[in-house]
PDB file of N, CA and C in Angstrom:
ATOM      1  N   MET A   1      32.804 -21.342 -20.550  1.00  0.00           N
ATOM      2  CA  MET A   1      32.757 -22.685 -19.994  1.00  0.00           C
ATOM      3  C   MET A   1      32.481 -22.584 -18.497  1.00  0.00           C
ATOM      4  N   SER A   2      31.587 -23.396 -18.004  1.00  0.00           N
ATOM      5  CA  SER A   2      31.288 -23.442 -16.574  1.00  0.00           C
ATOM      6  C   SER A   2      31.944 -24.672 -15.966  1.00  0.00           C
ATOM      7  N   TYR A   3      32.712 -24.450 -14.929  1.00  0.00           N
ATOM      8  CA  TYR A   3      33.366 -25.545 -14.242  1.00  0.00           C
ATOM      9  C   TYR A   3      32.510 -26.021 -13.077  1.00  0.00           C
ATOM     10  N   GLN A   4      32.653 -27.268 -12.707  1.00  0.00           N
ATOM     11  CA  GLN A   4      31.880 -27.847 -11.618  1.00  0.00           C
ATOM     12  C   GLN A   4      32.673 -27.895 -10.311  1.00  0.00           C
ATOM     13  N   LEU A   5      33.779 -27.176 -10.244  1.00  0.00           N
ATOM     14  CA  LEU A   5      34.633 -27.202  -9.056  1.00  0.00           C
ATOM     15  C   LEU A   5      33.904 -26.754  -7.798  1.00  0.00           C
ATOM     16  N   TYR A   6      32.993 -25.812  -7.932  1.00  0.00           N
ATOM     17  CA  TYR A   6      32.363 -25.212  -6.762  1.00  0.00           C
ATOM     18  C   TYR A   6      31.248 -26.071  -6.190  1.00  0.00           C
ATOM     19  N   ARG A   7      30.958 -27.196  -6.827  1.00  0.00           N
ATOM     20  CA  ARG A   7      29.999 -28.136  -6.251  1.00  0.00           C
ATOM     21  C   ARG A   7      30.566 -28.803  -5.002  1.00  0.00           C
ATOM     22  N   ASN A   8      31.896 -28.782  -4.829  1.00  0.00           N
ATOM     23  CA  ASN A   8      32.531 -29.382  -3.655  1.00  0.00           C
ATOM     24  C   ASN A   8      32.698 -28.398  -2.507  1.00  0.00           C
ATOM     25  N   THR A   9      32.135 -27.190  -2.643  1.00  0.00           N
ATOM     26  CA  THR A   9      32.155 -26.223  -1.548  1.00  0.00           C
ATOM     27  C   THR A   9      30.989 -26.521  -0.610  1.00  0.00           C
ATOM     28  N   THR A  10      30.958 -25.849   0.523  1.00  0.00           N
ATOM     29  CA  THR A  10      29.842 -26.025   1.462  1.00  0.00           C
ATOM     30  C   THR A  10      28.517 -25.688   0.788  1.00  0.00           C
ATOM     31  N   LEU A  11      28.487 -24.595   0.052  1.00  0.00           N
ATOM     32  CA  LEU A  11      27.262 -24.188  -0.638  1.00  0.00           C
ATOM     33  C   LEU A  11      26.849 -25.225  -1.684  1.00  0.00           C
ATOM     34  N   GLY A  12      27.802 -25.689  -2.477  1.00  0.00           N
ATOM     35  CA  GLY A  12      27.512 -26.685  -3.505  1.00  0.00           C
ATOM     36  C   GLY A  12      27.049 -28.009  -2.917  1.00  0.00           C
ATOM     37  N   ASN A  13      27.717 -28.464  -1.860  1.00  0.00           N
ATOM     38  CA  ASN A  13      27.321 -29.718  -1.204  1.00  0.00           C
ATOM     39  C   ASN A  13      25.921 -29.614  -0.604  1.00  0.00           C
ATOM     40  N   THR A  14      25.631 -28.484   0.022  1.00  0.00           N
ATOM     41  CA  THR A  14      24.308 -28.280   0.613  1.00  0.00           C
ATOM     42  C   THR A  14      23.232 -28.268  -0.459  1.00  0.00           C
ATOM     43  N   LEU A  15      23.510 -27.627  -1.574  1.00  0.00           N
ATOM     44  CA  LEU A  15      22.560 -27.625  -2.681  1.00  0.00           C
ATOM     45  C   LEU A  15      22.311 -29.047  -3.179  1.00  0.00           C
ATOM     46  N   GLN A  16      23.374 -29.810  -3.376  1.00  0.00           N
ATOM     47  CA  GLN A  16      23.215 -31.186  -3.854  1.00  0.00           C
ATOM     48  C   GLN A  16      22.431 -32.050  -2.861  1.00  0.00           C
ATOM     49  N   GLU A  17      22.701 -31.891  -1.571  1.00  0.00           N
ATOM     50  CA  GLU A  17      21.962 -32.650  -0.551  1.00  0.00           C
ATOM     51  C   GLU A  17      20.483 -32.274  -0.559  1.00  0.00           C
ATOM     52  N   SER A  18      20.199 -30.983  -0.711  1.00  0.00           N
ATOM     53  CA  SER A  18      18.803 -30.538  -0.755  1.00  0.00           C
ATOM     54  C   SER A  18      18.089 -31.082  -1.985  1.00  0.00           C
ATOM     55  N   LEU A  19      18.769 -31.056  -3.115  1.00  0.00           N
ATOM     56  CA  LEU A  19      18.173 -31.597  -4.338  1.00  0.00           C
ATOM     57  C   LEU A  19      17.935 -33.101  -4.215  1.00  0.00           C
ATOM     58  N   ASP A  20      18.894 -33.818  -3.627  1.00  0.00           N
ATOM     59  CA  ASP A  20      18.724 -35.266  -3.417  1.00  0.00           C
ATOM     60  C   ASP A  20      17.512 -35.558  -2.537  1.00  0.00           C
ATOM     61  N   GLU A  21      17.332 -34.741  -1.503  1.00  0.00           N
ATOM     62  CA  GLU A  21      16.188 -34.922  -0.614  1.00  0.00           C
ATOM     63  C   GLU A  21      14.873 -34.666  -1.352  1.00  0.00           C
ATOM     64  N   LEU A  22      14.849 -33.604  -2.163  1.00  0.00           N
ATOM     65  CA  LEU A  22      13.636 -33.312  -2.941  1.00  0.00           C
ATOM     66  C   LEU A  22      13.321 -34.433  -3.930  1.00  0.00           C
ATOM     67  N   ILE A  23      14.360 -34.996  -4.522  1.00  0.00           N
ATOM     68  CA  ILE A  23      14.160 -36.129  -5.436  1.00  0.00           C
ATOM     69  C   ILE A  23      13.606 -37.326  -4.677  1.00  0.00           C
ATOM     70  N   SER A  24      14.179 -37.613  -3.501  1.00  0.00           N
ATOM     71  CA  SER A  24      13.740 -38.790  -2.739  1.00  0.00           C
ATOM     72  C   SER A  24      12.280 -38.661  -2.275  1.00  0.00           C
ATOM     73  N   TYR A  25      11.806 -37.434  -2.049  1.00  0.00           N
ATOM     74  CA  TYR A  25      10.413 -37.219  -1.657  1.00  0.00           C
ATOM     75  C   TYR A  25       9.495 -37.072  -2.879  1.00  0.00           C
ATOM     76  N   GLY A  26      10.062 -37.179  -4.075  1.00  0.00           N
ATOM     77  CA  GLY A  26       9.264 -37.097  -5.290  1.00  0.00           C
ATOM     78  C   GLY A  26       8.778 -35.697  -5.624  1.00  0.00           C
ATOM     79  N   GLN A  27       9.423 -34.676  -5.048  1.00  0.00           N
ATOM     80  CA  GLN A  27       8.989 -33.301  -5.288  1.00  0.00           C
ATOM     81  C   GLN A  27       9.593 -32.697  -6.547  1.00  0.00           C
ATOM     82  N   ILE A  28      10.733 -33.216  -6.981  1.00  0.00           N
ATOM     83  CA  ILE A  28      11.329 -32.799  -8.257  1.00  0.00           C
ATOM     84  C   ILE A  28      11.886 -34.039  -8.950  1.00  0.00           C
ATOM     85  N   THR A  29      12.133 -33.897 -10.240  1.00  0.00           N
ATOM     86  CA  THR A  29      12.714 -34.993 -11.013  1.00  0.00           C
ATOM     87  C   THR A  29      14.242 -34.866 -11.010  1.00  0.00           C
ATOM     88  N   PRO A  30      14.932 -35.971 -11.270  1.00  0.00           N
ATOM     89  CA  PRO A  30      16.391 -35.886 -11.393  1.00  0.00           C
ATOM     90  C   PRO A  30      16.825 -34.939 -12.518  1.00  0.00           C
ATOM     91  N   GLN A  31      16.043 -34.848 -13.571  1.00  0.00           N
ATOM     92  CA  GLN A  31      16.366 -33.947 -14.677  1.00  0.00           C
ATOM     93  C   GLN A  31      16.322 -32.481 -14.229  1.00  0.00           C
ATOM     94  N   LEU A  32      15.322 -32.145 -13.404  1.00  0.00           N
ATOM     95  CA  LEU A  32      15.236 -30.776 -12.889  1.00  0.00           C
ATOM     96  C   LEU A  32      16.407 -30.488 -11.948  1.00  0.00           C
ATOM     97  N   ALA A  33      16.772 -31.457 -11.125  1.00  0.00           N
ATOM     98  CA  ALA A  33      17.916 -31.288 -10.225  1.00  0.00           C
ATOM     99  C   ALA A  33      19.194 -31.023 -11.021  1.00  0.00           C
ATOM    100  N   LEU A  34      19.369 -31.743 -12.129  1.00  0.00           N
ATOM    101  CA  LEU A  34      20.545 -31.523 -12.975  1.00  0.00           C
ATOM    102  C   LEU A  34      20.535 -30.120 -13.569  1.00  0.00           C
ATOM    103  N   LYS A  35      19.372 -29.649 -14.000  1.00  0.00           N
ATOM    104  CA  LYS A  35      19.267 -28.284 -14.537  1.00  0.00           C
ATOM    105  C   LYS A  35      19.635 -27.251 -13.473  1.00  0.00           C
ATOM    106  N   VAL A  36      19.187 -27.497 -12.229  1.00  0.00           N
ATOM    107  CA  VAL A  36      19.520 -26.580 -11.131  1.00  0.00           C
ATOM    108  C   VAL A  36      21.031 -26.565 -10.897  1.00  0.00           C
ATOM    109  N   LEU A  37      21.669 -27.730 -10.903  1.00  0.00           N
ATOM    110  CA  LEU A  37      23.118 -27.798 -10.704  1.00  0.00           C
ATOM    111  C   LEU A  37      23.877 -27.117 -11.837  1.00  0.00           C
ATOM    112  N   LEU A  38      23.421 -27.291 -13.061  1.00  0.00           N
ATOM    113  CA  LEU A  38      24.071 -26.622 -14.191  1.00  0.00           C
ATOM    114  C   LEU A  38      23.935 -25.110 -14.078  1.00  0.00           C
ATOM    115  N   GLN A  39      22.767 -24.642 -13.634  1.00  0.00           N
ATOM    116  CA  GLN A  39      22.579 -23.200 -13.434  1.00  0.00           C
ATOM    117  C   GLN A  39      23.460 -22.701 -12.291  1.00  0.00           C
ATOM    118  N   PHE A  40      23.604 -23.494 -11.230  1.00  0.00           N
ATOM    119  CA  PHE A  40      24.505 -23.142 -10.130  1.00  0.00           C
ATOM    120  C   PHE A  40      25.934 -22.976 -10.655  1.00  0.00           C
ATOM    121  N   ASP A  41      26.383 -23.926 -11.489  1.00  0.00           N
ATOM    122  CA  ASP A  41      27.729 -23.846 -12.063  1.00  0.00           C
ATOM    123  C   ASP A  41      27.921 -22.540 -12.825  1.00  0.00           C
ATOM    124  N   LYS A  42      26.958 -22.211 -13.680  1.00  0.00           N
ATOM    125  CA  LYS A  42      27.050 -20.977 -14.478  1.00  0.00           C
ATOM    126  C   LYS A  42      27.027 -19.741 -13.584  1.00  0.00           C
ATOM    127  N   SER A  43      26.130 -19.734 -12.605  1.00  0.00           N
ATOM    128  CA  SER A  43      25.969 -18.559 -11.745  1.00  0.00           C
ATOM    129  C   SER A  43      27.183 -18.312 -10.865  1.00  0.00           C
ATOM    130  N   ILE A  44      27.726 -19.362 -10.270  1.00  0.00           N
ATOM    131  CA  ILE A  44      28.870 -19.183  -9.374  1.00  0.00           C
ATOM    132  C   ILE A  44      30.105 -18.761 -10.165  1.00  0.00           C
ATOM    133  N   ASN A  45      30.292 -19.329 -11.349  1.00  0.00           N
ATOM    134  CA  ASN A  45      31.423 -18.925 -12.190  1.00  0.00           C
ATOM    135  C   ASN A  45      31.277 -17.475 -12.635  1.00  0.00           C
ATOM    136  N   SER A  46      30.087 -17.085 -13.004  1.00  0.00           N
ATOM    137  CA  SER A  46      29.839 -15.707 -13.428  1.00  0.00           C
ATOM    138  C   SER A  46      30.054 -14.734 -12.271  1.00  0.00           C
ATOM    139  N   ALA A  47      29.506 -15.055 -11.105  1.00  0.00           N
ATOM    140  CA  ALA A  47      29.643 -14.174  -9.947  1.00  0.00           C
ATOM    141  C   ALA A  47      31.103 -14.001  -9.545  1.00  0.00           C
ATOM    142  N   LEU A  48      31.855 -15.080  -9.535  1.00  0.00           N
ATOM    143  CA  LEU A  48      33.260 -14.978  -9.143  1.00  0.00           C
ATOM    144  C   LEU A  48      34.077 -14.177 -10.148  1.00  0.00           C
ATOM    145  N   SER A  49      33.723 -14.267 -11.418  1.00  0.00           N
ATOM    146  CA  SER A  49      34.508 -13.539 -12.424  1.00  0.00           C
ATOM    147  C   SER A  49      34.123 -12.066 -12.521  1.00  0.00           C
ATOM    148  N   THR A  50      32.912 -11.696 -12.088  1.00  0.00           N
ATOM    149  CA  THR A  50      32.477 -10.304 -12.246  1.00  0.00           C
ATOM    150  C   THR A  50      32.386  -9.534 -10.938  1.00  0.00           C
ATOM    151  N   LYS A  51      32.148 -10.200  -9.826  1.00  0.00           N
ATOM    152  CA  LYS A  51      31.878  -9.491  -8.566  1.00  0.00           C
ATOM    153  C   LYS A  51      33.070  -9.447  -7.611  1.00  0.00           C
ATOM    154  N   VAL A  52      33.972 -10.415  -7.682  1.00  0.00           N
ATOM    155  CA  VAL A  52      35.111 -10.465  -6.757  1.00  0.00           C
ATOM    156  C   VAL A  52      36.237  -9.600  -7.301  1.00  0.00           C
ATOM    157  N   LYS A  53      36.659  -8.621  -6.491  1.00  0.00           N
ATOM    158  CA  LYS A  53      37.696  -7.684  -6.933  1.00  0.00           C
ATOM    159  C   LYS A  53      38.984  -7.800  -6.117  1.00  0.00           C
ATOM    160  N   SER A  54      39.003  -8.655  -5.102  1.00  0.00           N
ATOM    161  CA  SER A  54      40.181  -8.801  -4.248  1.00  0.00           C
ATOM    162  C   SER A  54      41.332  -9.428  -5.015  1.00  0.00           C
ATOM    163  N   ARG A  55      42.521  -9.018  -4.659  1.00  0.00           N
ATOM    164  CA  ARG A  55      43.735  -9.585  -5.244  1.00  0.00           C
ATOM    165  C   ARG A  55      44.625 -10.101  -4.125  1.00  0.00           C
ATOM    166  N   ILE A  56      45.121 -11.311  -4.302  1.00  0.00           N
ATOM    167  CA  ILE A  56      46.040 -11.899  -3.335  1.00  0.00           C
ATOM    168  C   ILE A  56      47.271 -12.373  -4.092  1.00  0.00           C
ATOM    169  N   THR A  57      48.427 -12.114  -3.535  1.00  0.00           N
ATOM    170  CA  THR A  57      49.660 -12.624  -4.129  1.00  0.00           C
ATOM    171  C   THR A  57      50.186 -13.740  -3.242  1.00  0.00           C
ATOM    172  N   PHE A  58      50.930 -14.643  -3.848  1.00  0.00           N
ATOM    173  CA  PHE A  58      51.523 -15.717  -3.053  1.00  0.00           C
ATOM    174  C   PHE A  58      52.894 -16.043  -3.599  1.00  0.00           C
ATOM    175  N   LYS A  59      53.731 -16.578  -2.694  1.00  0.00           N
ATOM    176  CA  LYS A  59      55.094 -16.968  -3.036  1.00  0.00           C
ATOM    177  C   LYS A  59      55.372 -18.283  -2.330  1.00  0.00           C
ATOM    178  N   ALA A  60      55.917 -19.248  -3.065  1.00  0.00           N
ATOM    179  CA  ALA A  60      56.215 -20.559  -2.483  1.00  0.00           C
ATOM    180  C   ALA A  60      57.712 -20.822  -2.552  1.00  0.00           C
ATOM    181  N   SER A  61      58.204 -21.553  -1.556  1.00  0.00           N
ATOM    182  CA  SER A  61      59.623 -21.900  -1.573  1.00  0.00           C
ATOM    183  C   SER A  61      59.879 -23.101  -2.483  1.00  0.00           C
ATOM    184  N   LYS A  62      58.828 -23.927  -2.716  1.00  0.00           N
ATOM    185  CA  LYS A  62      59.033 -25.105  -3.550  1.00  0.00           C
ATOM    186  C   LYS A  62      57.751 -25.465  -4.299  1.00  0.00           C
ATOM    187  N   LEU A  63      57.913 -25.715  -5.588  1.00  0.00           N
ATOM    188  CA  LEU A  63      56.839 -26.259  -6.413  1.00  0.00           C
ATOM    189  C   LEU A  63      57.071 -27.757  -6.514  1.00  0.00           C
ATOM    190  N   ASN A  64      56.216 -28.540  -5.830  1.00  0.00           N
ATOM    191  CA  ASN A  64      56.379 -29.997  -5.838  1.00  0.00           C
ATOM    192  C   ASN A  64      56.009 -30.601  -7.187  1.00  0.00           C
ATOM    193  N   THR A  65      54.781 -30.367  -7.605  1.00  0.00           N
ATOM    194  CA  THR A  65      54.324 -30.897  -8.887  1.00  0.00           C
ATOM    195  C   THR A  65      53.402 -29.893  -9.550  1.00  0.00           C
ATOM    196  N   TYR A  66      53.297 -30.009 -10.848  1.00  0.00           N
ATOM    197  CA  TYR A  66      52.336 -29.213 -11.591  1.00  0.00           C
ATOM    198  C   TYR A  66      51.808 -30.049 -12.742  1.00  0.00           C
ATOM    199  N   ARG A  67      50.596 -29.726 -13.147  1.00  0.00           N
ATOM    200  CA  ARG A  67      49.952 -30.472 -14.228  1.00  0.00           C
ATOM    201  C   ARG A  67      49.036 -29.520 -14.976  1.00  0.00           C
ATOM    202  N   PHE A  68      48.976 -29.672 -16.300  1.00  0.00           N
ATOM    203  CA  PHE A  68      48.049 -28.904 -17.120  1.00  0.00           C
ATOM    204  C   PHE A  68      47.294 -29.894 -17.997  1.00  0.00           C
ATOM    205  N   CYS A  69      46.002 -30.046 -17.736  1.00  0.00           N
ATOM    206  CA  CYS A  69      45.197 -31.006 -18.469  1.00  0.00           C
ATOM    207  C   CYS A  69      43.801 -30.425 -18.679  1.00  0.00           C
ATOM    208  N   ASP A  70      43.302 -30.487 -19.890  1.00  0.00           N
ATOM    209  CA  ASP A  70      41.967 -29.988 -20.226  1.00  0.00           C
ATOM    210  C   ASP A  70      41.768 -28.549 -19.774  1.00  0.00           C
ATOM    211  N   ASN A  71      42.769 -27.719 -19.996  1.00  0.00           N
ATOM    212  CA  ASN A  71      42.716 -26.291 -19.677  1.00  0.00           C
ATOM    213  C   ASN A  71      42.622 -26.007 -18.171  1.00  0.00           C
ATOM    214  N   VAL A  72      43.089 -26.950 -17.353  1.00  0.00           N
ATOM    215  CA  VAL A  72      43.070 -26.793 -15.893  1.00  0.00           C
ATOM    216  C   VAL A  72      44.488 -27.023 -15.358  1.00  0.00           C
ATOM    217  N   TRP A  73      44.991 -26.047 -14.614  1.00  0.00           N
ATOM    218  CA  TRP A  73      46.283 -26.172 -13.951  1.00  0.00           C
ATOM    219  C   TRP A  73      46.080 -26.705 -12.540  1.00  0.00           C
ATOM    220  N   THR A  74      46.930 -27.641 -12.130  1.00  0.00           N
ATOM    221  CA  THR A  74      46.965 -28.122 -10.752  1.00  0.00           C
ATOM    222  C   THR A  74      48.398 -27.952 -10.256  1.00  0.00           C
ATOM    223  N   LEU A  75      48.545 -27.217  -9.155  1.00  0.00           N
ATOM    224  CA  LEU A  75      49.864 -26.937  -8.579  1.00  0.00           C
ATOM    225  C   LEU A  75      49.905 -27.450  -7.147  1.00  0.00           C
ATOM    226  N   MET A  76      50.977 -28.133  -6.794  1.00  0.00           N
ATOM    227  CA  MET A  76      51.216 -28.567  -5.410  1.00  0.00           C
ATOM    228  C   MET A  76      52.436 -27.790  -4.920  1.00  0.00           C
ATOM    229  N   LEU A  77      52.240 -26.963  -3.882  1.00  0.00           N
ATOM    230  CA  LEU A  77      53.280 -26.061  -3.403  1.00  0.00           C
ATOM    231  C   LEU A  77      53.595 -26.309  -1.935  1.00  0.00           C
ATOM    232  N   ASN A  78      54.848 -26.008  -1.540  1.00  0.00           N
ATOM    233  CA  ASN A  78      55.282 -26.088  -0.136  1.00  0.00           C
ATOM    234  C   ASN A  78      55.700 -24.714   0.353  1.00  0.00           C
ATOM    235  N   ASP A  79      55.522 -24.498   1.665  1.00  0.00           N
ATOM    236  CA  ASP A  79      55.940 -23.255   2.331  1.00  0.00           C
ATOM    237  C   ASP A  79      55.474 -22.023   1.547  1.00  0.00           C
ATOM    238  N   VAL A  80      54.177 -21.810   1.566  1.00  0.00           N
ATOM    239  CA  VAL A  80      53.566 -20.750   0.770  1.00  0.00           C
ATOM    240  C   VAL A  80      53.171 -19.573   1.655  1.00  0.00           C
ATOM    241  N   GLU A  81      53.502 -18.364   1.193  1.00  0.00           N
ATOM    242  CA  GLU A  81      53.116 -17.128   1.861  1.00  0.00           C
ATOM    243  C   GLU A  81      52.069 -16.421   1.006  1.00  0.00           C
ATOM    244  N   PHE A  82      50.940 -16.088   1.624  1.00  0.00           N
ATOM    245  CA  PHE A  82      49.881 -15.343   0.949  1.00  0.00           C
ATOM    246  C   PHE A  82      49.854 -13.931   1.515  1.00  0.00           C
ATOM    247  N   ARG A  83      49.668 -12.950   0.624  1.00  0.00           N
ATOM    248  CA  ARG A  83      49.607 -11.555   1.064  1.00  0.00           C
ATOM    249  C   ARG A  83      48.457 -10.831   0.372  1.00  0.00           C
ATOM    250  N   GLU A  84      47.708 -10.100   1.201  1.00  0.00           N
ATOM    251  CA  GLU A  84      46.775  -9.120   0.692  1.00  0.00           C
ATOM    252  C   GLU A  84      47.350  -7.790   1.155  1.00  0.00           C
ATOM    253  N   ILE A  85      46.629  -6.718   1.040  1.00  0.00           N
ATOM    254  CA  ILE A  85      47.201  -5.410   1.384  1.00  0.00           C
ATOM    255  C   ILE A  85      47.747  -5.387   2.809  1.00  0.00           C
ATOM    256  N   HIS A  86      46.925  -5.731   3.794  1.00  0.00           N
ATOM    257  CA  HIS A  86      47.366  -5.670   5.189  1.00  0.00           C
ATOM    258  C   HIS A  86      47.335  -7.030   5.871  1.00  0.00           C
ATOM    259  N   GLU A  87      47.132  -8.077   5.126  1.00  0.00           N
ATOM    260  CA  GLU A  87      47.001  -9.417   5.691  1.00  0.00           C
ATOM    261  C   GLU A  87      48.158 -10.303   5.215  1.00  0.00           C
ATOM    262  N   PHE A  88      48.512 -11.279   6.041  1.00  0.00           N
ATOM    263  CA  PHE A  88      49.594 -12.206   5.716  1.00  0.00           C
ATOM    264  C   PHE A  88      49.247 -13.568   6.306  1.00  0.00           C
ATOM    265  N   ALA A  89      49.473 -14.610   5.524  1.00  0.00           N
ATOM    266  CA  ALA A  89      49.256 -15.971   6.025  1.00  0.00           C
ATOM    267  C   ALA A  89      50.316 -16.878   5.426  1.00  0.00           C
ATOM    268  N   LYS A  90      50.688 -17.917   6.177  1.00  0.00           N
ATOM    269  CA  LYS A  90      51.685 -18.865   5.705  1.00  0.00           C
ATOM    270  C   LYS A  90      51.164 -20.280   5.953  1.00  0.00           C
ATOM    271  N   VAL A  91      51.338 -21.157   4.949  1.00  0.00           N
ATOM    272  CA  VAL A  91      50.914 -22.552   5.082  1.00  0.00           C
ATOM    273  C   VAL A  91      52.057 -23.458   4.651  1.00  0.00           C
ATOM    274  N   ASP A  92      52.068 -24.692   5.190  1.00  0.00           N
ATOM    275  CA  ASP A  92      53.118 -25.653   4.857  1.00  0.00           C
ATOM    276  C   ASP A  92      52.928 -26.245   3.468  1.00  0.00           C
ATOM    277  N   LYS A  93      51.686 -26.646   3.156  1.00  0.00           N
ATOM    278  CA  LYS A  93      51.400 -27.273   1.870  1.00  0.00           C
ATOM    279  C   LYS A  93      50.067 -26.762   1.357  1.00  0.00           C
ATOM    280  N   ILE A  94      49.966 -26.661   0.030  1.00  0.00           N
ATOM    281  CA  ILE A  94      48.699 -26.258  -0.571  1.00  0.00           C
ATOM    282  C   ILE A  94      48.579 -26.832  -1.976  1.00  0.00           C
ATOM    283  N   LYS A  95      47.351 -27.126  -2.345  1.00  0.00           N
ATOM    284  CA  LYS A  95      47.040 -27.563  -3.709  1.00  0.00           C
ATOM    285  C   LYS A  95      46.178 -26.475  -4.329  1.00  0.00           C
ATOM    286  N   ILE A  96      46.602 -25.975  -5.473  1.00  0.00           N
ATOM    287  CA  ILE A  96      45.858 -24.943  -6.185  1.00  0.00           C
ATOM    288  C   ILE A  96      45.363 -25.521  -7.501  1.00  0.00           C
ATOM    289  N   VAL A  97      44.066 -25.370  -7.740  1.00  0.00           N
ATOM    290  CA  VAL A  97      43.463 -25.772  -9.014  1.00  0.00           C
ATOM    291  C   VAL A  97      42.988 -24.494  -9.680  1.00  0.00           C
ATOM    292  N   ALA A  98      43.504 -24.207 -10.866  1.00  0.00           N
ATOM    293  CA  ALA A  98      43.177 -22.966 -11.571  1.00  0.00           C
ATOM    294  C   ALA A  98      42.632 -23.274 -12.953  1.00  0.00           C
ATOM    295  N   CYS A  99      41.506 -22.636 -13.269  1.00  0.00           N
ATOM    296  CA  CYS A  99      40.842 -22.842 -14.549  1.00  0.00           C
ATOM    297  C   CYS A  99      40.779 -21.534 -15.318  1.00  0.00           C
ATOM    298  N   ASP A 100      40.615 -21.624 -16.609  1.00  0.00           N
ATOM    299  CA  ASP A 100      40.466 -20.451 -17.453  1.00  0.00           C
ATOM    300  C   ASP A 100      39.181 -19.729 -17.055  1.00  0.00           C
ATOM    301  N   GLY A 101      39.310 -18.462 -16.679  1.00  0.00           N
ATOM    302  CA  GLY A 101      38.143 -17.713 -16.234  1.00  0.00           C
ATOM    303  C   GLY A 101      37.399 -17.017 -17.342  1.00  0.00           C
ATOM    304  N   LYS A 102      37.858 -17.098 -18.570  1.00  0.00           N
ATOM    305  CA  LYS A 102      37.188 -16.431 -19.674  1.00  0.00           C
ATOM    306  C   LYS A 102      35.963 -17.223 -20.109  1.00  0.00           C
ATOM    307  N   SER A 103      34.872 -16.502 -20.284  1.00  0.00           N
ATOM    308  CA  SER A 103      33.624 -17.136 -20.686  1.00  0.00           C
ATOM    309  C   SER A 103      33.595 -17.319 -22.194  1.00  0.00           C
ATOM    310  N   GLU A 104      33.084 -18.451 -22.630  1.00  0.00           N
ATOM    311  CA  GLU A 104      32.987 -18.731 -24.072  1.00  0.00           C
ATOM    312  C   GLU A 104      31.605 -18.373 -24.605  1.00  0.00           C
ATOM    313  N   ILE A 105      30.739 -17.841 -23.741  1.00  0.00           N
ATOM    314  CA  ILE A 105      29.382 -17.523 -24.143  1.00  0.00           C
ATOM    315  C   ILE A 105      29.343 -16.229 -24.904  1.00  0.00           C
TER     316      ILE A 105
END
């Protein structure tokens, strides 16, 4: 399954803006733009699941809310500490959206 979460990243937004501009100038059809976005979804999900090897752990002092809907977890956390091997970061509040990374293809 390909999720569309990454369309809201800088890269995804820039792609959508570029496609909108090409559509407005009549250089591509809306159908082609949709195909490009669907391929972006598949490619970014595949790349993140196969190429990223970093591991980060986190610990929160409080779990405000959590939700599981349509195979997607949403967590709202307070006072969160993130750790990598030699790196450390702390934030007051964070929202984590986690999806099943297993491909159904």
